[in-house]
Amino acid sequence: MDTNWNLENGDKLEERLKAAAGVKTSSALYKGAGNVHLDLREGIIAIKPMEYAGRGGFDGIRGLEPTKLPAAISDEALGAAIRAAIEISRAPWKR
């Protein structure tokens, strides 16, 4: 089964996600969800928290610049930076 999000299979995929999470509504599925965008260019990793925009979508957070780290960063440090960005994404009231 195709798991890429697109117009043809988006509803089916969301139904599978709700079933796996044991919830019945989309709002319950996305409650507390976080999303982080990672970009690797020219040896720099940019980590940008995204905010939940409703209907299963996420947008960039206005006024928040990505955290930029060297691609040679340790796995532990990269993981810590990603976890910090996820916390920002999940808790917009803390910005």
PDB file of N, CA and C in Angstrom:
ATOM      1  N   MET A   1       0.844  -1.186   0.000  1.00  0.00           N
ATOM      2  CA  MET A   1       0.000   0.000   0.000  1.00  0.00           C
ATOM      3  C   MET A   1       0.887   1.246   0.000  1.00  0.00           C
ATOM      4  N   ASP A   2       0.519   2.215  -0.785  1.00  0.00           N
ATOM      5  CA  ASP A   2       1.242   3.475  -0.870  1.00  0.00           C
ATOM      6  C   ASP A   2       1.024   4.278   0.413  1.00  0.00           C
ATOM      7  N   THR A   3       2.123   4.765   1.043  1.00  0.00           N
ATOM      8  CA  THR A   3       1.987   5.528   2.281  1.00  0.00           C
ATOM      9  C   THR A   3       2.340   6.996   2.096  1.00  0.00           C
ATOM     10  N   ASN A   4       2.580   7.414   0.865  1.00  0.00           N
ATOM     11  CA  ASN A   4       2.840   8.831   0.620  1.00  0.00           C
ATOM     12  C   ASN A   4       1.531   9.606   0.706  1.00  0.00           C
ATOM     13  N   TRP A   5       1.596  10.789   1.288  1.00  0.00           N
ATOM     14  CA  TRP A   5       0.395  11.608   1.474  1.00  0.00           C
ATOM     15  C   TRP A   5       0.095  12.335   0.176  1.00  0.00           C
ATOM     16  N   ASN A   6      -1.051  12.060  -0.415  1.00  0.00           N
ATOM     17  CA  ASN A   6      -1.492  12.782  -1.606  1.00  0.00           C
ATOM     18  C   ASN A   6      -3.014  12.761  -1.644  1.00  0.00           C
ATOM     19  N   LEU A   7      -3.579  13.440  -2.603  1.00  0.00           N
ATOM     20  CA  LEU A   7      -5.037  13.550  -2.669  1.00  0.00           C
ATOM     21  C   LEU A   7      -5.726  12.202  -2.848  1.00  0.00           C
ATOM     22  N   GLU A   8      -5.094  11.290  -3.590  1.00  0.00           N
ATOM     23  CA  GLU A   8      -5.740  10.011  -3.853  1.00  0.00           C
ATOM     24  C   GLU A   8      -5.823   9.124  -2.612  1.00  0.00           C
ATOM     25  N   ASN A   9      -4.774   9.123  -1.796  1.00  0.00           N
ATOM     26  CA  ASN A   9      -4.782   8.175  -0.682  1.00  0.00           C
ATOM     27  C   ASN A   9      -4.723   8.841   0.690  1.00  0.00           C
ATOM     28  N   GLY A  10      -4.823  10.145   0.769  1.00  0.00           N
ATOM     29  CA  GLY A  10      -4.728  10.853   2.041  1.00  0.00           C
ATOM     30  C   GLY A  10      -5.761  10.418   3.056  1.00  0.00           C
ATOM     31  N   ASP A  11      -7.016  10.278   2.628  1.00  0.00           N
ATOM     32  CA  ASP A  11      -8.074   9.861   3.551  1.00  0.00           C
ATOM     33  C   ASP A  11      -7.858   8.432   4.045  1.00  0.00           C
ATOM     34  N   LYS A  12      -7.448   7.550   3.133  1.00  0.00           N
ATOM     35  CA  LYS A  12      -7.206   6.161   3.528  1.00  0.00           C
ATOM     36  C   LYS A  12      -6.042   6.076   4.508  1.00  0.00           C
ATOM     37  N   LEU A  13      -4.991   6.827   4.249  1.00  0.00           N
ATOM     38  CA  LEU A  13      -3.835   6.821   5.136  1.00  0.00           C
ATOM     39  C   LEU A  13      -4.214   7.367   6.511  1.00  0.00           C
ATOM     40  N   GLU A  14      -4.990   8.441   6.544  1.00  0.00           N
ATOM     41  CA  GLU A  14      -5.398   8.991   7.836  1.00  0.00           C
ATOM     42  C   GLU A  14      -6.264   8.000   8.600  1.00  0.00           C
ATOM     43  N   GLU A  15      -7.122   7.260   7.911  1.00  0.00           N
ATOM     44  CA  GLU A  15      -7.932   6.241   8.581  1.00  0.00           C
ATOM     45  C   GLU A  15      -7.036   5.164   9.187  1.00  0.00           C
ATOM     46  N   ARG A  16      -6.006   4.761   8.466  1.00  0.00           N
ATOM     47  CA  ARG A  16      -5.055   3.773   8.997  1.00  0.00           C
ATOM     48  C   ARG A  16      -4.331   4.321  10.212  1.00  0.00           C
ATOM     49  N   LEU A  17      -3.940   5.586  10.166  1.00  0.00           N
ATOM     50  CA  LEU A  17      -3.244   6.198  11.303  1.00  0.00           C
ATOM     51  C   LEU A  17      -4.152   6.283  12.528  1.00  0.00           C
ATOM     52  N   LYS A  18      -5.416   6.649  12.309  1.00  0.00           N
ATOM     53  CA  LYS A  18      -6.370   6.720  13.434  1.00  0.00           C
ATOM     54  C   LYS A  18      -6.576   5.333  14.037  1.00  0.00           C
ATOM     55  N   ALA A  19      -6.706   4.325  13.198  1.00  0.00           N
ATOM     56  CA  ALA A  19      -6.886   2.966  13.707  1.00  0.00           C
ATOM     57  C   ALA A  19      -5.655   2.524  14.505  1.00  0.00           C
ATOM     58  N   ALA A  20      -4.480   2.807  13.985  1.00  0.00           N
ATOM     59  CA  ALA A  20      -3.254   2.413  14.684  1.00  0.00           C
ATOM     60  C   ALA A  20      -3.114   3.138  16.022  1.00  0.00           C
ATOM     61  N   ALA A  21      -3.572   4.397  16.083  1.00  0.00           N
ATOM     62  CA  ALA A  21      -3.480   5.188  17.312  1.00  0.00           C
ATOM     63  C   ALA A  21      -4.637   4.889  18.263  1.00  0.00           C
ATOM     64  N   GLY A  22      -5.654   4.171  17.778  1.00  0.00           N
ATOM     65  CA  GLY A  22      -6.797   3.845  18.611  1.00  0.00           C
ATOM     66  C   GLY A  22      -7.706   5.031  18.880  1.00  0.00           C
ATOM     67  N   VAL A  23      -7.792   5.950  17.911  1.00  0.00           N
ATOM     68  CA  VAL A  23      -8.662   7.119  18.056  1.00  0.00           C
ATOM     69  C   VAL A  23      -9.663   7.142  16.912  1.00  0.00           C
ATOM     70  N   LYS A  24     -10.731   7.921  17.096  1.00  0.00           N
ATOM     71  CA  LYS A  24     -11.787   7.966  16.077  1.00  0.00           C
ATOM     72  C   LYS A  24     -11.817   9.256  15.281  1.00  0.00           C
ATOM     73  N   THR A  25     -11.223  10.328  15.807  1.00  0.00           N
ATOM     74  CA  THR A  25     -11.301  11.612  15.116  1.00  0.00           C
ATOM     75  C   THR A  25      -9.915  12.115  14.737  1.00  0.00           C
ATOM     76  N   SER A  26      -9.886  12.959  13.721  1.00  0.00           N
ATOM     77  CA  SER A  26      -8.617  13.560  13.298  1.00  0.00           C
ATOM     78  C   SER A  26      -8.057  14.469  14.380  1.00  0.00           C
ATOM     79  N   SER A  27      -8.927  15.189  15.089  1.00  0.00           N
ATOM     80  CA  SER A  27      -8.425  16.080  16.131  1.00  0.00           C
ATOM     81  C   SER A  27      -7.737  15.285  17.240  1.00  0.00           C
ATOM     82  N   ALA A  28      -8.264  14.109  17.563  1.00  0.00           N
ATOM     83  CA  ALA A  28      -7.620  13.256  18.560  1.00  0.00           C
ATOM     84  C   ALA A  28      -6.292  12.715  18.029  1.00  0.00           C
ATOM     85  N   LEU A  29      -6.250  12.402  16.746  1.00  0.00           N
ATOM     86  CA  LEU A  29      -5.024  11.889  16.141  1.00  0.00           C
ATOM     87  C   LEU A  29      -3.900  12.917  16.218  1.00  0.00           C
ATOM     88  N   TYR A  30      -4.213  14.168  15.932  1.00  0.00           N
ATOM     89  CA  TYR A  30      -3.181  15.192  15.855  1.00  0.00           C
ATOM     90  C   TYR A  30      -2.955  15.955  17.159  1.00  0.00           C
ATOM     91  N   LYS A  31      -3.729  15.654  18.196  1.00  0.00           N
ATOM     92  CA  LYS A  31      -3.551  16.337  19.480  1.00  0.00           C
ATOM     93  C   LYS A  31      -2.137  16.078  20.000  1.00  0.00           C
ATOM     94  N   GLY A  32      -1.414  17.144  20.241  1.00  0.00           N
ATOM     95  CA  GLY A  32      -0.052  17.026  20.747  1.00  0.00           C
ATOM     96  C   GLY A  32       0.979  16.647  19.703  1.00  0.00           C
ATOM     97  N   ALA A  33       0.577  16.623  18.436  1.00  0.00           N
ATOM     98  CA  ALA A  33       1.509  16.247  17.371  1.00  0.00           C
ATOM     99  C   ALA A  33       2.532  17.346  17.134  1.00  0.00           C
ATOM    100  N   GLY A  34       3.697  16.943  16.735  1.00  0.00           N
ATOM    101  CA  GLY A  34       4.737  17.880  16.363  1.00  0.00           C
ATOM    102  C   GLY A  34       5.328  17.471  15.028  1.00  0.00           C
ATOM    103  N   ASN A  35       5.937  18.423  14.352  1.00  0.00           N
ATOM    104  CA  ASN A  35       6.528  18.155  13.048  1.00  0.00           C
ATOM    105  C   ASN A  35       7.760  19.019  12.914  1.00  0.00           C
ATOM    106  N   VAL A  36       8.832  18.426  12.438  1.00  0.00           N
ATOM    107  CA  VAL A  36      10.094  19.136  12.264  1.00  0.00           C
ATOM    108  C   VAL A  36      10.573  18.927  10.834  1.00  0.00           C
ATOM    109  N   HIS A  37      10.964  20.011  10.187  1.00  0.00           N
ATOM    110  CA  HIS A  37      11.505  19.950   8.829  1.00  0.00           C
ATOM    111  C   HIS A  37      13.030  19.936   8.922  1.00  0.00           C
ATOM    112  N   LEU A  38      13.653  18.975   8.247  1.00  0.00           N
ATOM    113  CA  LEU A  38      15.109  18.901   8.184  1.00  0.00           C
ATOM    114  C   LEU A  38      15.555  19.144   6.757  1.00  0.00           C
ATOM    115  N   ASP A  39      16.624  19.921   6.622  1.00  0.00           N
ATOM    116  CA  ASP A  39      17.154  20.230   5.300  1.00  0.00           C
ATOM    117  C   ASP A  39      18.671  20.143   5.374  1.00  0.00           C
ATOM    118  N   LEU A  40      19.293  19.418   4.462  1.00  0.00           N
ATOM    119  CA  LEU A  40      20.743  19.302   4.396  1.00  0.00           C
ATOM    120  C   LEU A  40      21.222  19.919   3.096  1.00  0.00           C
ATOM    121  N   ARG A  41      21.980  20.985   3.228  1.00  0.00           N
ATOM    122  CA  ARG A  41      22.539  21.658   2.043  1.00  0.00           C
ATOM    123  C   ARG A  41      23.943  22.147   2.355  1.00  0.00           C
ATOM    124  N   GLU A  42      24.845  21.818   1.461  1.00  0.00           N
ATOM    125  CA  GLU A  42      26.224  22.297   1.546  1.00  0.00           C
ATOM    126  C   GLU A  42      26.836  22.079   2.923  1.00  0.00           C
ATOM    127  N   GLY A  43      26.599  20.895   3.489  1.00  0.00           N
ATOM    128  CA  GLY A  43      27.200  20.531   4.759  1.00  0.00           C
ATOM    129  C   GLY A  43      26.555  21.140   5.991  1.00  0.00           C
ATOM    130  N   ILE A  44      25.389  21.763   5.832  1.00  0.00           N
ATOM    131  CA  ILE A  44      24.676  22.365   6.953  1.00  0.00           C
ATOM    132  C   ILE A  44      23.292  21.722   7.076  1.00  0.00           C
ATOM    133  N   ILE A  45      22.955  21.290   8.294  1.00  0.00           N
ATOM    134  CA  ILE A  45      21.630  20.753   8.575  1.00  0.00           C
ATOM    135  C   ILE A  45      20.803  21.875   9.191  1.00  0.00           C
ATOM    136  N   ALA A  46      19.667  22.170   8.598  1.00  0.00           N
ATOM    137  CA  ALA A  46      18.740  23.164   9.139  1.00  0.00           C
ATOM    138  C   ALA A  46      17.553  22.413   9.732  1.00  0.00           C
ATOM    139  N   ILE A  47      17.238  22.719  10.987  1.00  0.00           N
ATOM    140  CA  ILE A  47      16.137  22.074  11.697  1.00  0.00           C
ATOM    141  C   ILE A  47      15.101  23.145  11.994  1.00  0.00           C
ATOM    142  N   LYS A  48      13.898  22.956  11.464  1.00  0.00           N
ATOM    143  CA  LYS A  48      12.857  23.970  11.640  1.00  0.00           C
ATOM    144  C   LYS A  48      11.583  23.347  12.200  1.00  0.00           C
ATOM    145  N   PRO A  49      11.177  23.768  13.412  1.00  0.00           N
ATOM    146  CA  PRO A  49       9.900  23.290  13.943  1.00  0.00           C
ATOM    147  C   PRO A  49       8.748  23.825  13.107  1.00  0.00           C
ATOM    148  N   MET A  50       7.711  23.024  12.959  1.00  0.00           N
ATOM    149  CA  MET A  50       6.519  23.420  12.229  1.00  0.00           C
ATOM    150  C   MET A  50       5.365  23.476  13.229  1.00  0.00           C
ATOM    151  N   GLU A  51       4.352  24.319  12.942  1.00  0.00           N
ATOM    152  CA  GLU A  51       3.197  24.359  13.834  1.00  0.00           C
ATOM    153  C   GLU A  51       2.004  23.712  13.155  1.00  0.00           C
ATOM    154  N   TYR A  52       1.156  23.094  13.977  1.00  0.00           N
ATOM    155  CA  TYR A  52      -0.023  22.427  13.453  1.00  0.00           C
ATOM    156  C   TYR A  52      -0.981  23.476  12.909  1.00  0.00           C
ATOM    157  N   ALA A  53      -1.396  23.305  11.668  1.00  0.00           N
ATOM    158  CA  ALA A  53      -2.258  24.284  10.995  1.00  0.00           C
ATOM    159  C   ALA A  53      -3.682  23.770  10.823  1.00  0.00           C
ATOM    160  N   GLY A  54      -3.982  22.604  11.392  1.00  0.00           N
ATOM    161  CA  GLY A  54      -5.316  22.034  11.248  1.00  0.00           C
ATOM    162  C   GLY A  54      -5.407  21.111  10.052  1.00  0.00           C
ATOM    163  N   ARG A  55      -6.390  20.253  10.097  1.00  0.00           N
ATOM    164  CA  ARG A  55      -6.670  19.310   9.004  1.00  0.00           C
ATOM    165  C   ARG A  55      -5.470  18.464   8.613  1.00  0.00           C
ATOM    166  N   GLY A  56      -4.631  18.139   9.589  1.00  0.00           N
ATOM    167  CA  GLY A  56      -3.487  17.268   9.338  1.00  0.00           C
ATOM    168  C   GLY A  56      -2.300  17.948   8.699  1.00  0.00           C
ATOM    169  N   GLY A  57      -2.333  19.264   8.590  1.00  0.00           N
ATOM    170  CA  GLY A  57      -1.235  19.982   7.952  1.00  0.00           C
ATOM    171  C   GLY A  57      -0.399  20.777   8.936  1.00  0.00           C
ATOM    172  N   PHE A  58       0.817  21.043   8.563  1.00  0.00           N
ATOM    173  CA  PHE A  58       1.742  21.822   9.372  1.00  0.00           C
ATOM    174  C   PHE A  58       2.324  22.953   8.521  1.00  0.00           C
ATOM    175  N   ASP A  59       2.574  24.088   9.156  1.00  0.00           N
ATOM    176  CA  ASP A  59       3.181  25.250   8.493  1.00  0.00           C
ATOM    177  C   ASP A  59       4.403  25.683   9.281  1.00  0.00           C
ATOM    178  N   GLY A  60       5.239  26.468   8.621  1.00  0.00           N
ATOM    179  CA  GLY A  60       6.366  27.060   9.323  1.00  0.00           C
ATOM    180  C   GLY A  60       5.873  28.040  10.386  1.00  0.00           C
ATOM    181  N   ILE A  61       6.688  28.261  11.399  1.00  0.00           N
ATOM    182  CA  ILE A  61       6.340  29.186  12.469  1.00  0.00           C
ATOM    183  C   ILE A  61       6.916  30.544  12.116  1.00  0.00           C
ATOM    184  N   ARG A  62       6.028  31.512  11.931  1.00  0.00           N
ATOM    185  CA  ARG A  62       6.440  32.850  11.526  1.00  0.00           C
ATOM    186  C   ARG A  62       7.431  33.440  12.539  1.00  0.00           C
ATOM    187  N   GLY A  63       8.504  33.995  12.029  1.00  0.00           N
ATOM    188  CA  GLY A  63       9.493  34.657  12.868  1.00  0.00           C
ATOM    189  C   GLY A  63      10.510  33.734  13.521  1.00  0.00           C
ATOM    190  N   LEU A  64      10.405  32.444  13.290  1.00  0.00           N
ATOM    191  CA  LEU A  64      11.333  31.484  13.894  1.00  0.00           C
ATOM    192  C   LEU A  64      12.313  30.993  12.840  1.00  0.00           C
ATOM    193  N   GLU A  65      13.579  31.292  13.057  1.00  0.00           N
ATOM    194  CA  GLU A  65      14.618  30.850  12.135  1.00  0.00           C
ATOM    195  C   GLU A  65      15.023  29.413  12.454  1.00  0.00           C
ATOM    196  N   PRO A  66      15.410  28.641  11.440  1.00  0.00           N
ATOM    197  CA  PRO A  66      15.846  27.269  11.694  1.00  0.00           C
ATOM    198  C   PRO A  66      17.152  27.246  12.496  1.00  0.00           C
ATOM    199  N   THR A  67      17.324  26.185  13.248  1.00  0.00           N
ATOM    200  CA  THR A  67      18.602  25.929  13.918  1.00  0.00           C
ATOM    201  C   THR A  67      19.523  25.327  12.874  1.00  0.00           C
ATOM    202  N   LYS A  68      20.718  25.878  12.733  1.00  0.00           N
ATOM    203  CA  LYS A  68      21.664  25.384  11.732  1.00  0.00           C
ATOM    204  C   LYS A  68      22.837  24.724  12.425  1.00  0.00           C
ATOM    205  N   LEU A  69      23.140  23.510  11.972  1.00  0.00           N
ATOM    206  CA  LEU A  69      24.198  22.707  12.579  1.00  0.00           C
ATOM    207  C   LEU A  69      25.065  22.110  11.476  1.00  0.00           C
ATOM    208  N   PRO A  70      26.343  21.843  11.773  1.00  0.00           N
ATOM    209  CA  PRO A  70      27.189  21.201  10.760  1.00  0.00           C
ATOM    210  C   PRO A  70      26.762  19.756  10.531  1.00  0.00           C
ATOM    211  N   ALA A  71      26.880  19.292   9.310  1.00  0.00           N
ATOM    212  CA  ALA A  71      26.480  17.927   8.978  1.00  0.00           C
ATOM    213  C   ALA A  71      27.303  16.896   9.744  1.00  0.00           C
ATOM    214  N   ALA A  72      28.474  17.263  10.211  1.00  0.00           N
ATOM    215  CA  ALA A  72      29.342  16.345  10.940  1.00  0.00           C
ATOM    216  C   ALA A  72      28.986  16.245  12.426  1.00  0.00           C
ATOM    217  N   ILE A  73      27.879  16.829  12.840  1.00  0.00           N
ATOM    218  CA  ILE A  73      27.451  16.807  14.238  1.00  0.00           C
ATOM    219  C   ILE A  73      27.240  15.364  14.701  1.00  0.00           C
ATOM    220  N   SER A  74      27.448  15.096  15.974  1.00  0.00           N
ATOM    221  CA  SER A  74      27.238  13.741  16.499  1.00  0.00           C
ATOM    222  C   SER A  74      25.754  13.383  16.456  1.00  0.00           C
ATOM    223  N   ASP A  75      25.481  12.095  16.407  1.00  0.00           N
ATOM    224  CA  ASP A  75      24.095  11.628  16.413  1.00  0.00           C
ATOM    225  C   ASP A  75      23.367  12.093  17.670  1.00  0.00           C
ATOM    226  N   GLU A  76      24.059  12.069  18.806  1.00  0.00           N
ATOM    227  CA  GLU A  76      23.443  12.474  20.068  1.00  0.00           C
ATOM    228  C   GLU A  76      23.059  13.949  20.044  1.00  0.00           C
ATOM    229  N   ALA A  77      23.942  14.801  19.554  1.00  0.00           N
ATOM    230  CA  ALA A  77      23.662  16.237  19.506  1.00  0.00           C
ATOM    231  C   ALA A  77      22.559  16.544  18.491  1.00  0.00           C
ATOM    232  N   LEU A  78      22.578  15.854  17.360  1.00  0.00           N
ATOM    233  CA  LEU A  78      21.523  16.050  16.366  1.00  0.00           C
ATOM    234  C   LEU A  78      20.180  15.611  16.932  1.00  0.00           C
ATOM    235  N   GLY A  79      20.160  14.466  17.596  1.00  0.00           N
ATOM    236  CA  GLY A  79      18.926  13.985  18.208  1.00  0.00           C
ATOM    237  C   GLY A  79      18.387  14.960  19.246  1.00  0.00           C
ATOM    238  N   ALA A  80      19.275  15.544  20.049  1.00  0.00           N
ATOM    239  CA  ALA A  80      18.854  16.518  21.060  1.00  0.00           C
ATOM    240  C   ALA A  80      18.260  17.763  20.407  1.00  0.00           C
ATOM    241  N   ALA A  81      18.859  18.219  19.300  1.00  0.00           N
ATOM    242  CA  ALA A  81      18.352  19.397  18.594  1.00  0.00           C
ATOM    243  C   ALA A  81      16.982  19.108  17.972  1.00  0.00           C
ATOM    244  N   ILE A  82      16.802  17.917  17.443  1.00  0.00           N
ATOM    245  CA  ILE A  82      15.513  17.535  16.858  1.00  0.00           C
ATOM    246  C   ILE A  82      14.451  17.439  17.954  1.00  0.00           C
ATOM    247  N   ARG A  83      14.790  16.822  19.094  1.00  0.00           N
ATOM    248  CA  ARG A  83      13.827  16.728  20.201  1.00  0.00           C
ATOM    249  C   ARG A  83      13.426  18.119  20.697  1.00  0.00           C
ATOM    250  N   ALA A  84      14.376  19.037  20.775  1.00  0.00           N
ATOM    251  CA  ALA A  84      14.058  20.405  21.200  1.00  0.00           C
ATOM    252  C   ALA A  84      13.112  21.073  20.203  1.00  0.00           C
ATOM    253  N   ALA A  85      13.343  20.856  18.910  1.00  0.00           N
ATOM    254  CA  ALA A  85      12.478  21.441  17.882  1.00  0.00           C
ATOM    255  C   ALA A  85      11.078  20.832  17.933  1.00  0.00           C
ATOM    256  N   ILE A  86      10.989  19.546  18.223  1.00  0.00           N
ATOM    257  CA  ILE A  86       9.674  18.901  18.341  1.00  0.00           C
ATOM    258  C   ILE A  86       8.900  19.499  19.507  1.00  0.00           C
ATOM    259  N   GLU A  87       9.564  19.764  20.614  1.00  0.00           N
ATOM    260  CA  GLU A  87       8.894  20.376  21.760  1.00  0.00           C
ATOM    261  C   GLU A  87       8.359  21.760  21.413  1.00  0.00           C
ATOM    262  N   ILE A  88       9.107  22.526  20.632  1.00  0.00           N
ATOM    263  CA  ILE A  88       8.625  23.836  20.182  1.00  0.00           C
ATOM    264  C   ILE A  88       7.401  23.653  19.293  1.00  0.00           C
ATOM    265  N   SER A  89       7.443  22.667  18.407  1.00  0.00           N
ATOM    266  CA  SER A  89       6.329  22.403  17.500  1.00  0.00           C
ATOM    267  C   SER A  89       5.074  21.981  18.257  1.00  0.00           C
ATOM    268  N   ARG A  90       5.239  21.191  19.290  1.00  0.00           N
ATOM    269  CA  ARG A  90       4.089  20.686  20.047  1.00  0.00           C
ATOM    270  C   ARG A  90       3.479  21.722  20.972  1.00  0.00           C
ATOM    271  N   ALA A  91       4.249  22.707  21.371  1.00  0.00           N
ATOM    272  CA  ALA A  91       3.796  23.647  22.409  1.00  0.00           C
ATOM    273  C   ALA A  91       3.883  25.084  21.914  1.00  0.00           C
ATOM    274  N   PRO A  92       2.975  25.480  21.004  1.00  0.00           N
ATOM    275  CA  PRO A  92       3.063  26.829  20.448  1.00  0.00           C
ATOM    276  C   PRO A  92       2.911  27.927  21.483  1.00  0.00           C
ATOM    277  N   TRP A  93       2.249  27.644  22.601  1.00  0.00           N
ATOM    278  CA  TRP A  93       2.073  28.654  23.632  1.00  0.00           C
ATOM    279  C   TRP A  93       3.374  28.976  24.347  1.00  0.00           C
ATOM    280  N   LYS A  94       4.413  28.141  24.188  1.00  0.00           N
ATOM    281  CA  LYS A  94       5.693  28.383  24.853  1.00  0.00           C
ATOM    282  C   LYS A  94       6.608  29.281  24.038  1.00  0.00           C
ATOM    283  N   ARG A  95       6.191  29.640  22.825  1.00  0.00           N
ATOM    284  CA  ARG A  95       7.049  30.472  21.968  1.00  0.00           C
ATOM    285  C   ARG A  95       7.098  31.881  22.477  1.00  0.00           C
TER     286      ARG A  95
END
